[in-house]
């Protein structure tokens, strides 16, 4: 399967998704094993066990995300029962995070399930939030993780952080740098492009930032050029996933009328009343 890996993309994870009678989505571990390129169940089961530990350490009930089921399969002229596991999207996310990063489908899975898991969280958390509240929430998240990304980049040997950031933007925005984005949005000198993004655009950048920080540390990337290219490729992967999910490309999203700073000032006025 790995010989034809270039013919695959994130959509394959959607093709093996199942929906139960309650409308809940799930994946079978045996099918995910094949897609991710694990030939032996015992090796893949070791990955699942590590994912369960990560789930427990995150204070989630393992049984809510990993459900053992039996399957009847053909075995020559007879049939036998084998173990399978019904996995939630979050369980799949933990599995690919604990999988062999050298496998190309693991890398695709990390991008796909990270974005989809975070998207699901945002949809649940933001269901009753206004667009302004969503933007404020995401902007604060982006600000915090940008600091973590800067530290990870520095540890990898990056000295020019502005250049490093531009590699991420170019991957996500089809070649545009921060200056290009700023000019396209019609911003003035001193205005931050992140303060002039809607929640969807901020979410795309949030994924870019968090996944780059994790990849730099997980793969112990060293060297400024390697770090820059890592950022660029993560940006490209996020863009590719948005495209395959039928989303709007970041550069095509509208610029909000109000900046984050304007929203913050309005909030302060309300609080002081």
Foldseek 3Di string as FASTA:
>chain_A
DLVVCVVDALCVVVVQWDADPVRAIWHKQVVVCVLQPNPDPVVLVVLLVQLLVVCVVVVHDSCVAWPWDWDWDDDDPDIDIDIMIIGHLSSQLSSLLSDDPVGPSSVNSNLQSVLVVVVVVCCVVCVPPDQLVLLLVLLVLLVVLVVLLVVLLVQQPADPVQLLQQLLCCLQQVHDGQVRLCVLLVHDPPDGSSQFATNVLSSLVSSLSVVLSCCCVVVVHHDNVRSSNSSNVSSNSSNVSCVVVVHDRSSPDHGDPDTNVRSVVVVVVVVVD
